[in-house]
Each structure stands twice: as structure tokens, then as C-alpha cells.
Amino acid sequence: MASFVTGGGAQSPIEWEWMDDRRRWVSYDAFSSSVIESSFSSGGMSAVVSSAQGGRTGTGATYTIHFSSMQQVNNASRFVRNVRRNVVGAPSHETWEWKKNGSRWEAVPVPICLQISASRDLRGETSTTAHINGLAHEFDFTQMTVTRLSVGVVVQLRLRASRGAAAGAAAAAAAAGVGAGASARGMSTRSGASASPSPHVSTNGDRSAEYERIINEATDCTATASANNETCTLCMDPFSPQEPALLLSQCQGHYMHAPCIMQVFKAMGPKCPTCSKMYGPLHGDQPDGTMTVRTHRRGAIPLSGYESDGTILIQYSFPSGTQSSKHPNPGSAYHGTSRTAYLPDNAAGREVLALLRKSFDQRMTFTVGTSITTGRSNCVIWNGVHHKTNTTGGSSSFGYPDPGYFGRVKAELLAKGIQ
């Protein structure tokens, strides 16, 4: 049964719903809908309701509805459910459309149209999150795009208003900047040679051609009959003779459209979005910099626990620069940094050094973000590959001895496709 929010003696057909374990939408009770809608329409960030699951009462549970993610969080268990806002029996509405597979426009489901229109018009938001088939999608009214958040697939968005609202919709679309977008910028990364600080240079521009080659090598074009009752795991659209299924050959039955795979490879790198099977090397967003490696004889820079070995000295240097389209704040400045790390000059240390070189060349070692240590934003920071930056002090001081370090750092590198 729909829940109606009352006010001034009139009924407003606003229905708030949550998704159950069978991915069905269930209405909140009328009082809970009233509380949620009141906060939503007044521009609040969240609402708190009590015993709201399907209208049941007396359980004492409380839930926070977060409008930015359109999710309900159980305040005791922290269990998360998707929510949505629906307008029951709306006689007309703005029709939003998205461009599936880069070729055809399709209508966004009506409840989602109503939700995103309310977010834009009622709350003045520039973007909102909605859940379709249980999957989170971000609707960006400035760039006029829809992003499936779990895999980074981006498609175009447009507005087709009802006849009575056509003029207003055209103005809104123009104000939202339809067709605007940021251009990607190529970057270069430099890495130093073992016995010399002179770096060699590798560039990393648009990788579309490389990913097309990888897709051709990694997939088998199949007839739709081989994917009976299957839909694309990315866009949720069915396959057809015009848009056949492509099978990722090293996975177990993961079928997708070719344009969808291409978008995932561009956003996430060449790995299956379902099982993370790698189909080629990943490349990160590390900015321009150098990695210089020098070796020192035994005793010159002793490492605790490795006094009988020489020492490998790694020096990273990144000048300040401007963030690219892959960074948190494109076009803004970022602060550079310098880092020094140490490895023992033995078989284990040289093995890790080879992996670190590969990580640096694939721009996976550093990124641009906020420093956990200093709290400073827009600066070059480590990207999840731990280094030993002290010669002593043990693991608590990022130094030696640390018997488990080599195993841990190789696992971190393996998670980034470095092996």
C-alpha cells in the first residue's frame, strides 16, 4: 500500500520504499514516509525513523536514511538497504533518458525519473544516487552522465520533458551544461636505472587502442543463443543479434556487450568487473616523477637484521604540478614530495625491487590525495604499497627488522596486478 504524506489537509502522493532481501520494493509506513519526506524536501542530508521496516512497530530499531546515497542504515547492526522516493499516480513527469551501449537512447524507469527530478528541482542538487536492479547509479546533472558506481561505467543522460514542461526542461538542460565534459590529459612517468640516477621515460596517454587489442584477445564473439536468458552484467540490457554477447574467455560465463567491456577497461583497467580476472597490466594515476636506485656496500647504510648484506637505496621525487582528469580535483595544483626507502641487497630484496620498478613504471606506487599523516589534501601520497622508510625501529616505525615484510609487500603488489 502506498504511503501518503499529509499536510494542510491535502494528500501528497509521495511514497518512500526500501528494498527487501528478494530485491522487491516495500513501502514504509505513512508516519515514516512523512518523516523522511519532510527532511528530504527541506534539504536535509538524512532522516531518522524508528521501526520502519515495512511498517512493523514495536521492535525498537532505528534507521538513518541517507539521501546522498539513497540508502537506509540500521543504527544497531549497520546493515544497509537501498531506498527510493516514488510519486504515486503522477499524471505527468519529466522523462529522463540514458544512452545505452553508446548507440540508443532509452527511458530511465519512471520511479527513478521522479526521484532524480525531485533531487534536482526540489533540493537543488547537482547529482544524486539511485538504485536500479539493486545497483547504485550516480546521476550527474552538470555533466549529464550516469555512472554505475560499482564498475565505473559511464553513459550519457538527457532530459525529455512532458509537453507542458518542455520549455522549462530545455532551460534546465541548458543550465546543466549538456555535453560538457573534462578532457583527459596524457602524463608521463620516469623511472631511474639501477646504477645511475639518469631516468628513462615511459609515457601513458589514451589507452583505447591497447584496450581494444586486449578485448579482441580476451573475448570470443558468441551467438546470443550461447547466453540463454542472459543479460549484460554491466548495463543489464539483453543481448541481440545487433548487440551480441561477448564472453571473457578466461572467466566462467561472464557475458557482456563490447562497448560495456571497453568502458570498464578504460575506468578500471583490463580486468573482469565480476571476478577481477586480469587481462593485461593495470595502470594507475601516479603523476610525473622519478625513481632512482643506488646500491651501497655492506656497512655503509646498515639495516637492522641485515647487517651482513649491502643496502639498496630507493629515492622517489615528485615535483608539484597540476592534477589530471584522473585525480580528485582536475585542474587544481598538487604538492610534490620526496621519499626514501630501503631494501637489503640480497635475493629477497632484489626480487621486491624488481616488482617495485614494475609498479612505478605502471604508475601504481603513488597517487594524488589527502595525506593520512598530515591531513594535507591535494598532495602526492603512497598508494597502498608499503615501503621501509627507516633502517631501524621494526614494523611499528616502518623499519627493519620485520620478518613478514617481503610477503606483505608482494601481496600488496599482486593485488595491483604486479607479479
Protein backbone atom coordinates (compact mmCIF):
# COMPACT_ATOMS: atom_id res chain seq x y z
CA MET A 1 0.00 0.00 0.00
CA ALA A 2 1.28 3.44 -0.85
CA SER A 3 2.16 5.81 1.95
CA PHE A 4 0.92 9.39 1.68
CA VAL A 5 2.41 12.44 3.30
CA THR A 6 -0.27 14.74 4.63
CA GLY A 7 -0.07 18.47 5.02
CA GLY A 8 -2.66 21.21 5.14
CA GLY A 9 -5.46 18.69 4.79
CA ALA A 10 -4.31 17.57 1.35
CA GLN A 11 -2.64 14.34 0.36
CA SER A 12 0.72 14.40 -1.43
CA PRO A 13 1.28 11.04 -3.17
CA ILE A 14 4.88 10.61 -2.03
CA GLU A 15 5.89 7.03 -1.35
CA TRP A 16 9.23 6.09 0.22
CA GLU A 17 10.27 2.47 -0.25
CA TRP A 18 13.06 0.16 0.85
CA MET A 19 14.43 -2.93 -0.93
CA ASP A 20 13.95 -6.29 0.78
CA ASP A 21 16.16 -9.39 0.59
CA ARG A 22 14.41 -10.52 -2.60
CA ARG A 23 15.15 -7.16 -4.28
CA ARG A 24 11.49 -6.11 -4.06
CA TRP A 25 10.45 -2.57 -3.15
CA VAL A 26 8.44 -2.35 0.08
CA SER A 27 6.62 0.77 1.26
CA TYR A 28 7.44 2.47 4.54
CA ASP A 29 4.51 3.14 6.84
CA ALA A 30 2.78 6.52 6.47
CA PHE A 31 4.38 8.12 9.52
CA SER A 32 7.90 7.09 8.49
CA SER A 33 7.32 8.36 4.95
CA SER A 34 6.17 11.66 6.40
CA VAL A 35 9.34 11.99 8.48
CA ILE A 36 11.60 11.05 5.56
CA GLU A 37 9.85 13.32 3.04
CA SER A 38 9.85 16.27 5.44
CA SER A 39 13.63 16.05 5.80
CA PHE A 40 14.18 15.39 2.10
CA SER A 41 12.04 18.29 0.87
CA SER A 42 13.60 20.73 3.34
CA GLY A 43 17.10 19.98 2.05
CA GLY A 44 18.26 17.77 4.91
CA MET A 45 21.07 15.27 4.44
CA SER A 46 19.36 12.39 6.29
CA ALA A 47 16.33 11.33 8.30
CA VAL A 48 15.96 9.00 11.27
CA VAL A 49 12.94 6.73 11.61
CA SER A 50 12.05 4.12 14.19
CA SER A 51 10.91 0.55 13.49
CA ALA A 52 10.40 1.46 9.86
CA GLN A 53 10.99 -1.86 8.14
CA GLY A 54 7.80 -2.45 6.18
CA GLY A 55 5.68 -0.63 8.73
CA ARG A 56 6.37 -3.03 11.59
CA THR A 57 6.28 -1.46 15.03
CA GLY A 58 7.49 -2.33 18.47
CA THR A 59 10.95 -3.64 17.53
CA GLY A 60 12.72 -0.56 18.89
CA ALA A 61 15.09 -0.45 15.90
CA THR A 62 16.10 2.89 14.41
CA TYR A 63 17.26 3.58 10.88
CA THR A 64 19.04 6.50 9.23
CA ILE A 65 18.07 7.33 5.66
CA HIS A 66 20.99 8.93 3.81
CA PHE A 67 19.80 10.97 0.82
CA SER A 68 23.23 11.28 -0.80
CA SER A 69 23.45 7.52 -1.33
CA MET A 70 19.71 6.74 -1.09
CA GLN A 71 20.37 4.06 1.50
CA GLN A 72 18.94 3.06 4.86
CA VAL A 73 21.36 2.09 7.64
CA ASN A 74 20.29 0.09 10.68
CA ASN A 75 21.81 2.10 13.52
CA ALA A 76 22.41 -1.02 15.63
CA SER A 77 23.59 -3.64 13.12
CA ARG A 78 24.84 -1.17 10.45
CA PHE A 79 23.02 -3.29 7.84
CA VAL A 80 22.39 -1.26 4.67
CA ARG A 81 19.38 -1.33 2.36
CA ASN A 82 18.60 0.69 -0.77
CA VAL A 83 15.73 3.18 -0.66
CA ARG A 84 13.85 5.22 -3.24
CA ARG A 85 11.32 8.05 -3.45
CA ASN A 86 8.24 7.47 -5.62
CA VAL A 87 5.35 9.70 -6.63
CA VAL A 88 2.21 7.58 -6.76
CA GLY A 89 -0.12 8.13 -9.68
CA ALA A 90 1.75 11.14 -11.03
CA PRO A 91 -0.20 12.25 -14.15
CA SER A 92 2.88 13.51 -15.96
CA HIS A 93 6.57 13.72 -15.29
CA GLU A 94 9.84 14.64 -16.88
CA THR A 95 11.27 11.75 -18.86
CA TRP A 96 14.96 11.15 -18.39
CA GLU A 97 16.78 9.00 -20.90
CA TRP A 98 20.18 7.39 -20.96
CA LYS A 99 22.24 6.23 -23.90
CA LYS A 100 22.80 2.50 -23.58
CA ASN A 101 25.82 0.90 -25.23
CA GLY A 102 26.78 4.21 -26.80
CA SER A 103 24.14 3.96 -29.53
CA ARG A 104 20.49 4.22 -28.47
CA TRP A 105 18.50 6.31 -26.02
CA GLU A 106 16.21 4.53 -23.55
CA ALA A 107 13.85 5.84 -20.89
CA VAL A 108 15.04 5.73 -17.30
CA PRO A 109 12.49 3.82 -15.14
CA VAL A 110 9.64 6.10 -14.03
CA PRO A 111 10.32 5.90 -10.25
CA ILE A 112 13.92 6.89 -10.90
CA CYS A 113 12.82 9.78 -13.15
CA LEU A 114 10.67 11.08 -10.32
CA GLN A 115 13.44 10.69 -7.77
CA ILE A 116 16.15 12.43 -9.76
CA SER A 117 13.81 15.25 -10.83
CA ALA A 118 12.97 15.85 -7.16
CA SER A 119 16.66 15.85 -6.22
CA ARG A 120 17.42 18.42 -8.90
CA ASP A 121 14.32 20.65 -8.65
CA LEU A 122 13.20 20.29 -5.03
CA ARG A 123 16.61 20.09 -3.38
CA GLY A 124 18.74 21.93 -5.93
CA GLU A 125 21.28 19.11 -6.10
CA THR A 126 23.75 18.74 -8.96
CA SER A 127 23.84 14.94 -8.65
CA THR A 128 22.04 12.11 -6.90
CA THR A 129 22.35 8.36 -6.39
CA ALA A 130 19.58 5.93 -7.36
CA HIS A 131 19.42 2.14 -7.24
CA ILE A 132 18.38 0.20 -10.32
CA ASN A 133 18.19 -3.59 -10.11
CA GLY A 134 19.93 -3.26 -6.75
CA LEU A 135 22.92 -1.45 -8.26
CA ALA A 136 23.93 2.12 -7.37
CA HIS A 137 23.95 4.67 -10.20
CA GLU A 138 25.06 8.29 -9.87
CA PHE A 139 23.10 10.79 -11.99
CA ASP A 140 25.18 13.91 -12.65
CA PHE A 141 23.06 16.86 -13.82
CA THR A 142 26.10 19.03 -14.60
CA GLN A 143 27.92 16.60 -16.88
CA MET A 144 24.61 14.91 -17.86
CA THR A 145 26.03 11.45 -17.26
CA VAL A 146 25.06 8.30 -15.37
CA THR A 147 27.81 6.29 -13.67
CA ARG A 148 27.33 2.74 -12.43
CA LEU A 149 29.38 3.13 -9.29
CA SER A 150 30.45 -0.49 -8.78
CA VAL A 151 32.36 -0.65 -12.07
CA GLY A 152 32.71 2.95 -13.22
CA VAL A 153 30.69 2.54 -16.44
CA VAL A 154 29.56 5.98 -17.66
CA VAL A 155 26.73 6.66 -20.13
CA GLN A 156 25.14 9.88 -21.38
CA LEU A 157 21.97 11.33 -19.83
CA ARG A 158 19.36 13.63 -21.34
CA LEU A 159 16.00 15.11 -20.35
CA ARG A 160 12.81 14.83 -22.39
CA ALA A 161 10.06 16.77 -20.64
CA SER A 162 6.31 16.35 -20.94
CA ARG A 163 4.66 18.76 -23.37
CA GLY A 164 3.60 21.14 -20.59
CA ALA A 165 7.09 21.34 -19.16
CA ALA A 166 9.08 21.35 -22.39
CA ALA A 167 10.23 24.96 -22.17
CA GLY A 168 11.32 24.64 -18.55
CA ALA A 169 13.11 21.39 -19.26
CA ALA A 170 15.06 22.90 -22.13
CA ALA A 171 16.20 25.74 -19.91
CA ALA A 172 17.16 23.32 -17.14
CA ALA A 173 19.12 21.16 -19.56
CA ALA A 174 20.98 24.19 -20.88
CA ALA A 175 21.78 25.36 -17.36
CA ALA A 176 23.05 21.89 -16.52
CA GLY A 177 25.62 22.05 -19.31
CA VAL A 178 24.56 19.21 -21.58
CA GLY A 179 27.52 17.83 -23.45
CA ALA A 180 30.08 19.44 -21.19
CA GLY A 181 32.94 17.23 -20.05
CA ALA A 182 36.50 17.20 -18.90
CA SER A 183 39.17 16.24 -21.39
CA ALA A 184 41.70 13.61 -20.43
CA ARG A 185 45.32 14.66 -20.28
CA GLY A 186 48.29 12.43 -21.01
CA MET A 187 51.01 12.10 -18.38
CA SER A 188 54.50 10.69 -18.26
CA THR A 189 56.30 8.73 -15.58
CA ARG A 190 60.05 8.34 -15.25
CA SER A 191 61.99 5.62 -13.51
CA GLY A 192 65.67 5.57 -12.61
CA ALA A 193 68.19 2.93 -13.65
CA SER A 194 69.91 0.76 -11.07
CA ALA A 195 73.43 2.16 -11.19
CA SER A 196 72.65 5.68 -12.30
CA PRO A 197 70.27 8.47 -11.35
CA SER A 198 69.58 9.11 -15.05
CA PRO A 199 65.93 8.21 -15.58
CA HIS A 200 64.27 6.53 -18.51
CA VAL A 201 60.88 7.81 -19.63
CA SER A 202 57.66 5.96 -20.36
CA THR A 203 54.53 7.78 -21.46
CA ASN A 204 50.94 6.94 -20.69
CA GLY A 205 48.32 8.58 -22.90
CA ASP A 206 44.98 7.35 -24.17
CA ARG A 207 44.95 3.54 -23.93
CA SER A 208 41.83 2.93 -26.04
CA ALA A 209 43.78 1.18 -28.81
CA GLU A 210 45.55 -1.03 -26.28
CA TYR A 211 42.27 -1.97 -24.61
CA GLU A 212 40.64 -2.73 -27.97
CA ARG A 213 43.51 -5.13 -28.67
CA ILE A 214 43.12 -6.73 -25.23
CA ILE A 215 39.37 -7.14 -25.74
CA ASN A 216 39.98 -8.82 -29.11
CA GLU A 217 42.45 -11.21 -27.49
CA ALA A 218 40.38 -11.83 -24.35
CA THR A 219 36.91 -12.38 -25.81
CA ASP A 220 35.12 -14.73 -28.13
CA CYS A 221 32.23 -13.31 -30.13
CA THR A 222 29.27 -15.60 -29.46
CA ALA A 223 25.74 -16.01 -30.74
CA THR A 224 23.03 -14.88 -28.36
CA ALA A 225 21.89 -18.49 -28.04
CA SER A 226 25.05 -19.26 -26.09
CA ALA A 227 23.92 -16.84 -23.41
CA ASN A 228 20.35 -18.05 -22.97
CA ASN A 229 18.27 -15.79 -20.75
CA GLU A 230 21.37 -13.76 -20.00
CA THR A 231 21.68 -10.01 -19.85
CA CYS A 232 24.82 -7.92 -19.84
CA THR A 233 26.17 -7.92 -16.30
CA LEU A 234 27.10 -4.24 -16.66
CA CYS A 235 24.18 -2.42 -18.30
CA MET A 236 21.54 -5.13 -17.55
CA ASP A 237 20.30 -4.98 -21.17
CA PRO A 238 19.57 -8.21 -23.06
CA PHE A 239 21.75 -9.39 -25.92
CA SER A 240 20.58 -9.31 -29.53
CA PRO A 241 21.93 -10.15 -32.99
CA GLN A 242 22.81 -6.46 -33.36
CA GLU A 243 24.44 -6.36 -29.91
CA PRO A 244 25.75 -9.88 -29.31
CA ALA A 245 27.25 -11.24 -26.15
CA LEU A 246 31.00 -11.26 -25.72
CA LEU A 247 32.47 -13.86 -23.40
CA LEU A 248 35.57 -13.04 -21.39
CA SER A 249 37.48 -16.16 -22.34
CA GLN A 250 39.36 -16.73 -19.08
CA CYS A 251 36.26 -16.30 -16.89
CA GLN A 252 33.40 -18.64 -16.12
CA GLY A 253 30.40 -17.47 -18.14
CA HIS A 254 30.79 -13.70 -17.81
CA TYR A 255 28.97 -12.22 -20.83
CA MET A 256 28.94 -8.50 -21.66
CA HIS A 257 28.46 -6.12 -24.57
CA ALA A 258 31.68 -4.99 -26.25
CA PRO A 259 31.07 -1.26 -25.53
CA CYS A 260 30.41 -2.09 -21.88
CA ILE A 261 33.65 -4.05 -21.57
CA MET A 262 35.54 -1.18 -23.21
CA GLN A 263 34.16 1.33 -20.71
CA VAL A 264 35.08 -0.91 -17.78
CA PHE A 265 38.60 -1.44 -19.11
CA LYS A 266 39.03 2.32 -19.50
CA ALA A 267 37.70 3.03 -16.00
CA MET A 268 39.19 0.11 -14.03
CA GLY A 269 41.92 -1.29 -16.23
CA PRO A 270 41.79 -4.61 -18.11
CA LYS A 271 40.19 -6.86 -15.51
CA CYS A 272 36.84 -8.62 -15.32
CA PRO A 273 34.41 -6.49 -13.27
CA THR A 274 32.73 -9.63 -11.94
CA CYS A 275 35.65 -11.77 -10.74
CA SER A 276 38.65 -9.41 -11.17
CA LYS A 277 40.48 -11.78 -13.54
CA MET A 278 43.31 -9.80 -15.12
CA TYR A 279 43.53 -9.46 -18.91
CA GLY A 280 46.51 -7.14 -19.07
CA PRO A 281 48.59 -4.76 -16.97
CA LEU A 282 46.88 -2.18 -14.81
CA HIS A 283 47.97 1.45 -14.98
CA GLY A 284 47.45 3.95 -12.18
CA ASP A 285 47.26 7.74 -11.93
CA GLN A 286 50.71 8.38 -10.45
CA PRO A 287 51.92 11.83 -11.53
CA ASP A 288 55.25 12.67 -13.17
CA GLY A 289 58.27 11.78 -11.07
CA THR A 290 61.50 9.80 -10.84
CA MET A 291 62.61 6.62 -9.10
CA THR A 292 66.37 6.49 -8.55
CA VAL A 293 68.03 3.31 -7.26
CA ARG A 294 71.54 3.01 -5.83
CA THR A 295 73.30 0.15 -4.08
CA HIS A 296 75.67 0.57 -1.13
CA ARG A 297 78.27 -1.87 0.15
CA ARG A 298 77.87 -3.71 3.41
CA GLY A 299 78.14 -1.47 6.45
CA ALA A 300 77.61 1.84 4.62
CA ILE A 301 73.87 2.05 5.47
CA PRO A 302 73.22 -0.99 7.70
CA LEU A 303 69.69 -2.34 8.03
CA SER A 304 68.75 -3.92 11.35
CA GLY A 305 68.72 -7.69 10.88
CA TYR A 306 70.57 -7.48 7.56
CA GLU A 307 73.97 -6.21 8.71
CA SER A 308 75.76 -8.81 6.61
CA ASP A 309 74.15 -7.52 3.40
CA GLY A 310 74.58 -4.37 1.40
CA THR A 311 71.73 -1.87 1.12
CA ILE A 312 69.53 -0.81 -1.80
CA LEU A 313 68.58 2.86 -1.55
CA ILE A 314 65.43 3.95 -3.44
CA GLN A 315 64.73 7.66 -3.86
CA TYR A 316 61.41 8.90 -5.23
CA SER A 317 60.97 12.51 -6.30
CA PHE A 318 57.80 14.25 -7.49
CA PRO A 319 57.65 17.96 -8.33
CA SER A 320 54.45 19.89 -7.77
CA GLY A 321 52.10 20.05 -10.72
CA THR A 322 48.51 20.19 -11.96
CA GLN A 323 46.02 17.39 -11.40
CA SER A 324 44.79 15.46 -14.43
CA SER A 325 41.27 14.25 -15.16
CA LYS A 326 42.03 11.05 -13.22
CA HIS A 327 42.77 12.90 -9.98
CA PRO A 328 40.35 14.16 -7.29
CA ASN A 329 40.40 17.83 -8.38
CA PRO A 330 41.27 18.10 -12.09
CA GLY A 331 42.93 21.37 -13.00
CA SER A 332 43.91 22.15 -9.40
CA ALA A 333 47.50 22.20 -8.19
CA TYR A 334 49.00 19.33 -6.21
CA HIS A 335 52.02 19.38 -3.91
CA GLY A 336 55.03 17.25 -4.79
CA THR A 337 57.08 15.13 -2.42
CA SER A 338 60.31 13.16 -1.97
CA ARG A 339 60.57 9.75 -0.33
CA THR A 340 63.47 7.44 0.52
CA ALA A 341 63.12 3.69 1.07
CA TYR A 342 65.49 0.82 1.86
CA LEU A 343 65.87 -2.83 0.89
CA PRO A 344 68.59 -5.32 1.78
CA ASP A 345 70.83 -6.11 -1.17
CA ASN A 346 70.11 -9.83 -1.19
CA ALA A 347 67.93 -12.18 -3.24
CA ALA A 348 64.70 -11.26 -1.42
CA GLY A 349 65.41 -7.54 -1.59
CA ARG A 350 66.29 -7.64 -5.29
CA GLU A 351 63.09 -9.58 -6.03
CA VAL A 352 60.99 -6.89 -4.33
CA LEU A 353 62.97 -4.15 -6.09
CA ALA A 354 62.09 -5.64 -9.48
CA LEU A 355 58.41 -5.60 -8.53
CA LEU A 356 58.65 -2.03 -7.24
CA ARG A 357 60.20 -0.93 -10.53
CA LYS A 358 57.31 -2.51 -12.39
CA SER A 359 54.80 -0.86 -10.06
CA PHE A 360 56.41 2.53 -10.58
CA ASP A 361 56.52 2.15 -14.37
CA GLN A 362 52.80 1.28 -14.33
CA ARG A 363 52.18 4.33 -12.15
CA MET A 364 50.77 2.34 -9.24
CA THR A 365 53.12 3.33 -6.40
CA PHE A 366 51.86 6.87 -5.72
CA THR A 367 48.69 8.85 -6.31
CA VAL A 368 47.26 12.29 -5.54
CA GLY A 369 45.04 12.64 -2.48
CA THR A 370 44.93 13.55 1.20
CA SER A 371 47.82 12.56 3.46
CA ILE A 372 46.73 10.40 6.40
CA THR A 373 49.79 11.57 8.35
CA THR A 374 49.48 15.34 7.89
CA GLY A 375 45.85 15.72 6.80
CA ARG A 376 47.03 17.85 3.87
CA SER A 377 44.98 17.48 0.70
CA ASN A 378 46.00 17.65 -2.96
CA CYS A 379 49.43 16.15 -2.49
CA VAL A 380 51.40 13.14 -3.76
CA ILE A 381 50.87 10.20 -1.37
CA TRP A 382 51.63 6.49 -1.15
CA ASN A 383 49.13 4.27 -2.98
CA GLY A 384 48.94 1.18 -0.81
CA VAL A 385 52.38 -0.31 -1.48
CA HIS A 386 54.24 -0.17 1.82
CA HIS A 387 57.93 0.76 1.84
CA LYS A 388 60.54 0.64 4.57
CA THR A 389 61.45 4.29 5.09
CA ASN A 390 63.65 3.69 8.16
CA THR A 391 66.70 1.46 8.60
CA THR A 392 65.77 0.50 12.18
CA GLY A 393 62.79 0.52 14.53
CA GLY A 394 60.88 -2.52 13.32
CA SER A 395 57.44 -2.62 11.72
CA SER A 396 55.92 -0.01 14.05
CA SER A 397 58.42 2.57 12.74
CA PHE A 398 58.33 1.45 9.09
CA GLY A 399 61.81 0.00 9.52
CA TYR A 400 63.73 -3.23 9.98
CA PRO A 401 63.72 -5.92 11.26
CA ASP A 402 60.29 -7.06 10.04
CA PRO A 403 60.26 -10.76 9.11
CA GLY A 404 56.88 -10.63 7.35
CA TYR A 405 57.54 -7.55 5.25
CA PHE A 406 58.56 -9.20 1.97
CA GLY A 407 55.49 -11.43 1.94
CA ARG A 408 53.17 -8.50 2.70
CA VAL A 409 54.56 -6.14 0.10
CA LYS A 410 54.45 -8.84 -2.59
CA ALA A 411 50.79 -9.47 -1.70
CA GLU A 412 50.06 -5.73 -1.97
CA LEU A 413 51.73 -5.63 -5.37
CA LEU A 414 49.92 -8.75 -6.53
CA ALA A 415 46.59 -7.07 -5.68
CA LYS A 416 47.59 -4.39 -8.19
CA GLY A 417 48.44 -6.97 -10.85
CA ILE A 418 52.19 -6.71 -10.25
CA GLN A 419 53.95 -10.07 -10.15
